[in-house]
Amino acid sequence: MKVIKMNEIEGSTNKRGVTSKQLHKNEDVQLMNLILQPGDVVPAHAVPVNVFFYIVSGKGTLQIGDEEKVVEATDIIPCPPNTEMSLKADQDQEFIVINVKTPSL
């Protein structure tokens, strides 16, 4: 059995400027851990696959299409393919998110 220990995986700054850890990837799914510090923003963008966000800790603003909401730990938010999305750590706290893309990009 494979056990993924998120805290032991080294992060790097991704192309959107936030700390990112690739937790798992195969042809069916890509699982990323995004760590946004207060003030960090993942700019609006769209991808051609299904996306799910699981909020691990903190609070932040998530925009999916025309809707924008403050989300918090344990919330799960789906995003359909080709829908604009963005993340903002705008609640004066670290905002840690699991991002799942299926199928994998």
C-alpha atoms as a PDB file:
ATOM      1  CA  MET A   1       0.000   0.000   0.000  1.00  0.00           C
ATOM      2  CA  LYS A   2       1.269   3.443  -0.904  1.00  0.00           C
ATOM      3  CA  VAL A   3       0.884   6.136   1.765  1.00  0.00           C
ATOM      4  CA  ILE A   4       1.272   9.745   0.649  1.00  0.00           C
ATOM      5  CA  LYS A   5       2.526  12.001   3.442  1.00  0.00           C
ATOM      6  CA  MET A   6       1.719  15.551   2.324  1.00  0.00           C
ATOM      7  CA  ASN A   7       3.936  17.135   4.983  1.00  0.00           C
ATOM      8  CA  GLU A   8       6.975  15.206   3.728  1.00  0.00           C
ATOM      9  CA  ILE A   9       6.656  16.278   0.080  1.00  0.00           C
ATOM     10  CA  GLU A  10       8.719  19.289  -0.897  1.00  0.00           C
ATOM     11  CA  GLY A  11       6.776  22.115  -2.509  1.00  0.00           C
ATOM     12  CA  SER A  12       7.833  24.488  -5.248  1.00  0.00           C
ATOM     13  CA  THR A  13       6.463  27.727  -6.629  1.00  0.00           C
ATOM     14  CA  ASN A  14       4.172  26.902  -9.553  1.00  0.00           C
ATOM     15  CA  LYS A  15       3.561  28.974 -12.700  1.00  0.00           C
ATOM     16  CA  ARG A  16       0.760  30.812 -10.891  1.00  0.00           C
ATOM     17  CA  GLY A  17       3.108  31.916  -8.100  1.00  0.00           C
ATOM     18  CA  VAL A  18       1.899  29.770  -5.172  1.00  0.00           C
ATOM     19  CA  THR A  19       3.502  26.834  -3.379  1.00  0.00           C
ATOM     20  CA  SER A  20       2.410  23.573  -4.953  1.00  0.00           C
ATOM     21  CA  LYS A  21       3.073  19.901  -4.167  1.00  0.00           C
ATOM     22  CA  GLN A  22       2.291  17.140  -6.636  1.00  0.00           C
ATOM     23  CA  LEU A  23       0.849  14.388  -4.439  1.00  0.00           C
ATOM     24  CA  HIS A  24      -0.191  11.859  -7.080  1.00  0.00           C
ATOM     25  CA  LYS A  25      -0.531  11.659 -10.845  1.00  0.00           C
ATOM     26  CA  ASN A  26      -1.524   9.012 -13.342  1.00  0.00           C
ATOM     27  CA  GLU A  27      -3.573   9.043 -16.549  1.00  0.00           C
ATOM     28  CA  ASP A  28      -6.843   9.165 -14.606  1.00  0.00           C
ATOM     29  CA  VAL A  29      -6.198  11.794 -11.930  1.00  0.00           C
ATOM     30  CA  GLN A  30      -3.828  14.511 -10.783  1.00  0.00           C
ATOM     31  CA  LEU A  31      -3.760  15.432  -7.097  1.00  0.00           C
ATOM     32  CA  MET A  32      -2.055  18.677  -6.031  1.00  0.00           C
ATOM     33  CA  ASN A  33      -1.653  20.408  -2.682  1.00  0.00           C
ATOM     34  CA  LEU A  34      -1.772  24.222  -2.998  1.00  0.00           C
ATOM     35  CA  ILE A  35      -0.485  26.321  -0.109  1.00  0.00           C
ATOM     36  CA  LEU A  36      -1.498  29.963  -0.328  1.00  0.00           C
ATOM     37  CA  GLN A  37      -0.085  32.490   2.107  1.00  0.00           C
ATOM     38  CA  PRO A  38      -2.173  35.555   3.043  1.00  0.00           C
ATOM     39  CA  GLY A  39      -2.470  37.739  -0.037  1.00  0.00           C
ATOM     40  CA  ASP A  40      -1.621  34.964  -2.552  1.00  0.00           C
ATOM     41  CA  VAL A  41      -3.870  34.631  -5.594  1.00  0.00           C
ATOM     42  CA  VAL A  42      -4.250  31.930  -8.226  1.00  0.00           C
ATOM     43  CA  PRO A  43      -5.479  34.052 -11.161  1.00  0.00           C
ATOM     44  CA  ALA A  44      -8.621  33.156 -13.082  1.00  0.00           C
ATOM     45  CA  HIS A  45      -8.056  30.349 -15.569  1.00  0.00           C
ATOM     46  CA  ALA A  46      -9.902  27.341 -17.020  1.00  0.00           C
ATOM     47  CA  VAL A  47      -8.830  23.754 -17.736  1.00  0.00           C
ATOM     48  CA  PRO A  48     -10.497  21.187 -20.028  1.00  0.00           C
ATOM     49  CA  VAL A  49     -11.105  18.599 -17.261  1.00  0.00           C
ATOM     50  CA  ASN A  50     -13.205  18.183 -14.107  1.00  0.00           C
ATOM     51  CA  VAL A  51     -11.678  19.860 -11.044  1.00  0.00           C
ATOM     52  CA  PHE A  52     -12.519  19.379  -7.377  1.00  0.00           C
ATOM     53  CA  PHE A  53     -11.202  21.480  -4.513  1.00  0.00           C
ATOM     54  CA  TYR A  54     -10.976  20.158  -0.952  1.00  0.00           C
ATOM     55  CA  ILE A  55     -10.159  22.835   1.614  1.00  0.00           C
ATOM     56  CA  VAL A  56      -7.674  21.335   4.074  1.00  0.00           C
ATOM     57  CA  SER A  57      -7.313  24.342   6.363  1.00  0.00           C
ATOM     58  CA  GLY A  58      -7.927  28.055   6.570  1.00  0.00           C
ATOM     59  CA  LYS A  59     -10.415  30.201   4.698  1.00  0.00           C
ATOM     60  CA  GLY A  60     -10.218  31.889   1.325  1.00  0.00           C
ATOM     61  CA  THR A  61     -12.266  33.003  -1.627  1.00  0.00           C
ATOM     62  CA  LEU A  62     -12.942  30.576  -4.468  1.00  0.00           C
ATOM     63  CA  GLN A  63     -14.416  31.767  -7.748  1.00  0.00           C
ATOM     64  CA  ILE A  64     -16.081  29.228 -10.054  1.00  0.00           C
ATOM     65  CA  GLY A  65     -17.634  30.755 -13.177  1.00  0.00           C
ATOM     66  CA  ASP A  66     -19.666  33.801 -12.107  1.00  0.00           C
ATOM     67  CA  GLU A  67     -19.925  32.711  -8.446  1.00  0.00           C
ATOM     68  CA  GLU A  68     -17.505  33.709  -5.707  1.00  0.00           C
ATOM     69  CA  LYS A  69     -17.669  32.438  -2.104  1.00  0.00           C
ATOM     70  CA  VAL A  70     -15.561  32.293   1.009  1.00  0.00           C
ATOM     71  CA  VAL A  71     -14.833  28.611   1.653  1.00  0.00           C
ATOM     72  CA  GLU A  72     -13.239  26.937   4.654  1.00  0.00           C
ATOM     73  CA  ALA A  73     -11.708  23.736   5.973  1.00  0.00           C
ATOM     74  CA  THR A  74     -13.559  20.532   4.994  1.00  0.00           C
ATOM     75  CA  ASP A  75     -15.534  22.197   2.154  1.00  0.00           C
ATOM     76  CA  ILE A  76     -15.512  20.353  -1.197  1.00  0.00           C
ATOM     77  CA  ILE A  77     -16.188  22.384  -4.333  1.00  0.00           C
ATOM     78  CA  PRO A  78     -16.556  20.856  -7.827  1.00  0.00           C
ATOM     79  CA  CYS A  79     -15.736  22.803 -10.993  1.00  0.00           C
ATOM     80  CA  PRO A  80     -16.857  21.579 -14.429  1.00  0.00           C
ATOM     81  CA  PRO A  81     -14.474  21.486 -17.403  1.00  0.00           C
ATOM     82  CA  ASN A  82     -13.714  24.752 -19.226  1.00  0.00           C
ATOM     83  CA  THR A  83     -15.047  26.886 -16.366  1.00  0.00           C
ATOM     84  CA  GLU A  84     -13.038  29.853 -15.137  1.00  0.00           C
ATOM     85  CA  MET A  85     -11.780  29.454 -11.564  1.00  0.00           C
ATOM     86  CA  SER A  86      -9.546  31.364  -9.151  1.00  0.00           C
ATOM     87  CA  LEU A  87      -8.361  31.136  -5.532  1.00  0.00           C
ATOM     88  CA  LYS A  88      -7.568  33.994  -3.167  1.00  0.00           C
ATOM     89  CA  ALA A  89      -6.021  33.833   0.301  1.00  0.00           C
ATOM     90  CA  ASP A  90      -7.872  37.008   1.266  1.00  0.00           C
ATOM     91  CA  GLN A  91      -8.979  36.114   4.810  1.00  0.00           C
ATOM     92  CA  ASP A  92      -5.678  36.998   6.566  1.00  0.00           C
ATOM     93  CA  GLN A  93      -4.671  33.354   7.028  1.00  0.00           C
ATOM     94  CA  GLU A  94      -2.898  30.510   5.293  1.00  0.00           C
ATOM     95  CA  PHE A  95      -5.242  28.765   2.838  1.00  0.00           C
ATOM     96  CA  ILE A  96      -4.390  25.104   2.098  1.00  0.00           C
ATOM     97  CA  VAL A  97      -6.252  23.336  -0.690  1.00  0.00           C
ATOM     98  CA  ILE A  98      -6.203  19.935  -2.387  1.00  0.00           C
ATOM     99  CA  ASN A  99      -6.844  20.298  -6.112  1.00  0.00           C
ATOM    100  CA  VAL A 100      -7.992  17.171  -7.994  1.00  0.00           C
ATOM    101  CA  LYS A 101      -8.102  17.079 -11.801  1.00  0.00           C
ATOM    102  CA  THR A 102      -9.744  14.183 -13.596  1.00  0.00           C
ATOM    103  CA  PRO A 103      -8.716  12.976 -16.021  1.00  0.00           C
ATOM    104  CA  SER A 104      -5.124  14.076 -15.498  1.00  0.00           C
ATOM    105  CA  LEU A 105      -3.629  16.836 -17.621  1.00  0.00           C
END
